[in-house]
Amino acid sequence: MTVKDLKQLDKQLRKISNPFGTGFSVLRAFTEEFAKGQNLSTDDVVRQYIAWKQKK
């Protein structure tokens, strides 16, 4: 994924209210859909996103 893709992902994830509570199903569905569009596994998307956020 490119930095542009990661920024787009970040922007969409920030819109989810309570992503690890009541919004978890929305978070999971969005990351699965995003991963499909990138031809990656959901785990890879989450791993790359976390690594990118830690570098910032």
N, C-alpha and C. Protein backbone atom coordinates (compact mmCIF):
# COMPACT_ATOMS: atom_id res chain seq x y z
N MET A 1 0.84 -1.18 0.00
CA MET A 1 0.00 0.00 0.00
C MET A 1 0.88 1.23 0.00
N THR A 2 0.39 2.25 -0.62
CA THR A 2 1.12 3.51 -0.66
C THR A 2 0.69 4.39 0.52
N VAL A 3 1.43 5.46 0.73
CA VAL A 3 1.10 6.40 1.78
C VAL A 3 -0.27 7.02 1.50
N LYS A 4 -0.55 7.26 0.24
CA LYS A 4 -1.86 7.81 -0.13
C LYS A 4 -2.98 6.86 0.29
N ASP A 5 -2.79 5.55 0.06
CA ASP A 5 -3.78 4.56 0.47
C ASP A 5 -3.95 4.55 1.98
N LEU A 6 -2.84 4.63 2.70
CA LEU A 6 -2.89 4.63 4.15
C LEU A 6 -3.60 5.87 4.69
N LYS A 7 -3.37 7.00 4.06
CA LYS A 7 -4.05 8.23 4.48
C LYS A 7 -5.55 8.12 4.24
N GLN A 8 -5.93 7.54 3.10
CA GLN A 8 -7.34 7.35 2.79
C GLN A 8 -7.97 6.41 3.82
N LEU A 9 -7.28 5.34 4.14
CA LEU A 9 -7.77 4.39 5.14
C LEU A 9 -7.93 5.09 6.50
N ASP A 10 -6.94 5.86 6.88
CA ASP A 10 -6.97 6.58 8.15
C ASP A 10 -8.16 7.52 8.22
N LYS A 11 -8.40 8.23 7.14
CA LYS A 11 -9.51 9.18 7.09
C LYS A 11 -10.84 8.46 7.31
N GLN A 12 -11.01 7.32 6.67
CA GLN A 12 -12.25 6.56 6.81
C GLN A 12 -12.38 5.94 8.20
N LEU A 13 -11.28 5.45 8.75
CA LEU A 13 -11.34 4.82 10.07
C LEU A 13 -11.66 5.84 11.16
N ARG A 14 -11.21 7.06 10.99
CA ARG A 14 -11.48 8.10 11.99
C ARG A 14 -12.96 8.48 12.04
N LYS A 15 -13.70 8.17 10.99
CA LYS A 15 -15.13 8.46 10.96
C LYS A 15 -15.96 7.47 11.79
N ILE A 16 -15.38 6.32 12.11
CA ILE A 16 -16.10 5.28 12.85
C ILE A 16 -16.10 5.64 14.33
N SER A 17 -17.30 5.76 14.88
CA SER A 17 -17.38 6.07 16.31
C SER A 17 -17.27 4.77 17.10
N ASN A 18 -16.47 4.81 18.16
CA ASN A 18 -16.23 3.68 19.04
C ASN A 18 -15.82 2.43 18.26
N PRO A 19 -14.69 2.48 17.55
CA PRO A 19 -14.30 1.38 16.66
C PRO A 19 -14.00 0.05 17.35
N PHE A 20 -13.68 0.07 18.63
CA PHE A 20 -13.39 -1.17 19.32
C PHE A 20 -14.49 -1.56 20.30
N GLY A 21 -15.63 -0.91 20.15
CA GLY A 21 -16.81 -1.22 20.96
C GLY A 21 -17.96 -1.53 20.04
N THR A 22 -18.97 -0.67 20.09
CA THR A 22 -20.17 -0.90 19.28
C THR A 22 -19.91 -0.76 17.79
N GLY A 23 -18.88 -0.03 17.40
CA GLY A 23 -18.57 0.16 15.98
C GLY A 23 -17.61 -0.87 15.42
N PHE A 24 -17.32 -1.92 16.19
CA PHE A 24 -16.33 -2.90 15.74
C PHE A 24 -16.76 -3.62 14.47
N SER A 25 -18.04 -3.94 14.35
CA SER A 25 -18.50 -4.64 13.14
C SER A 25 -18.31 -3.76 11.90
N VAL A 26 -18.50 -2.45 12.06
CA VAL A 26 -18.27 -1.51 10.95
C VAL A 26 -16.78 -1.47 10.62
N LEU A 27 -15.94 -1.41 11.63
CA LEU A 27 -14.49 -1.40 11.45
C LEU A 27 -14.03 -2.66 10.71
N ARG A 28 -14.51 -3.79 11.16
CA ARG A 28 -14.12 -5.06 10.55
C ARG A 28 -14.56 -5.13 9.10
N ALA A 29 -15.81 -4.77 8.83
CA ALA A 29 -16.33 -4.82 7.47
C ALA A 29 -15.56 -3.87 6.55
N PHE A 30 -15.27 -2.67 7.05
CA PHE A 30 -14.54 -1.70 6.23
C PHE A 30 -13.14 -2.19 5.91
N THR A 31 -12.42 -2.72 6.91
CA THR A 31 -11.06 -3.19 6.65
C THR A 31 -11.06 -4.38 5.70
N GLU A 32 -12.05 -5.25 5.80
CA GLU A 32 -12.14 -6.38 4.88
C GLU A 32 -12.38 -5.90 3.45
N GLU A 33 -13.27 -4.94 3.29
CA GLU A 33 -13.56 -4.39 1.97
C GLU A 33 -12.34 -3.66 1.40
N PHE A 34 -11.67 -2.89 2.23
CA PHE A 34 -10.48 -2.16 1.80
C PHE A 34 -9.38 -3.15 1.39
N ALA A 35 -9.21 -4.21 2.15
CA ALA A 35 -8.19 -5.22 1.84
C ALA A 35 -8.48 -5.89 0.50
N LYS A 36 -9.74 -6.17 0.24
CA LYS A 36 -10.11 -6.77 -1.04
C LYS A 36 -9.72 -5.87 -2.20
N GLY A 37 -9.97 -4.58 -2.05
CA GLY A 37 -9.63 -3.61 -3.08
C GLY A 37 -8.14 -3.47 -3.31
N GLN A 38 -7.35 -3.78 -2.28
CA GLN A 38 -5.89 -3.69 -2.38
C GLN A 38 -5.25 -5.04 -2.71
N ASN A 39 -6.07 -6.08 -2.82
CA ASN A 39 -5.57 -7.45 -3.05
C ASN A 39 -4.62 -7.89 -1.95
N LEU A 40 -5.00 -7.58 -0.71
CA LEU A 40 -4.22 -7.97 0.46
C LEU A 40 -5.15 -8.67 1.44
N SER A 41 -4.54 -9.32 2.42
CA SER A 41 -5.36 -9.88 3.49
C SER A 41 -5.69 -8.78 4.49
N THR A 42 -6.73 -8.98 5.25
CA THR A 42 -7.12 -8.01 6.26
C THR A 42 -5.98 -7.82 7.27
N ASP A 43 -5.32 -8.92 7.62
CA ASP A 43 -4.20 -8.85 8.56
C ASP A 43 -3.09 -7.95 8.03
N ASP A 44 -2.79 -8.06 6.74
CA ASP A 44 -1.75 -7.23 6.15
C ASP A 44 -2.12 -5.75 6.19
N VAL A 45 -3.37 -5.45 5.92
CA VAL A 45 -3.83 -4.05 5.95
C VAL A 45 -3.68 -3.49 7.36
N VAL A 46 -4.15 -4.24 8.35
CA VAL A 46 -4.07 -3.77 9.73
C VAL A 46 -2.61 -3.62 10.16
N ARG A 47 -1.78 -4.58 9.80
CA ARG A 47 -0.36 -4.54 10.17
C ARG A 47 0.33 -3.32 9.56
N GLN A 48 0.09 -3.06 8.27
CA GLN A 48 0.71 -1.92 7.61
C GLN A 48 0.18 -0.59 8.17
N TYR A 49 -1.10 -0.55 8.48
CA TYR A 49 -1.69 0.67 9.03
C TYR A 49 -1.08 0.99 10.40
N ILE A 50 -0.97 -0.01 11.24
CA ILE A 50 -0.40 0.20 12.57
C ILE A 50 1.06 0.63 12.48
N ALA A 51 1.83 -0.02 11.61
CA ALA A 51 3.23 0.35 11.44
C ALA A 51 3.35 1.78 10.94
N TRP A 52 2.49 2.18 10.02
CA TRP A 52 2.50 3.55 9.49
C TRP A 52 2.16 4.55 10.58
N LYS A 53 1.14 4.26 11.39
CA LYS A 53 0.73 5.18 12.46
C LYS A 53 1.83 5.32 13.51
N GLN A 54 2.56 4.25 13.80
CA GLN A 54 3.62 4.32 14.79
C GLN A 54 4.80 5.15 14.31
N LYS A 55 5.03 5.19 13.00
CA LYS A 55 6.13 5.97 12.45
C LYS A 55 5.86 7.45 12.50
N LYS A 56 4.58 7.83 12.50
CA LYS A 56 4.21 9.25 12.45
C LYS A 56 4.55 9.95 13.73
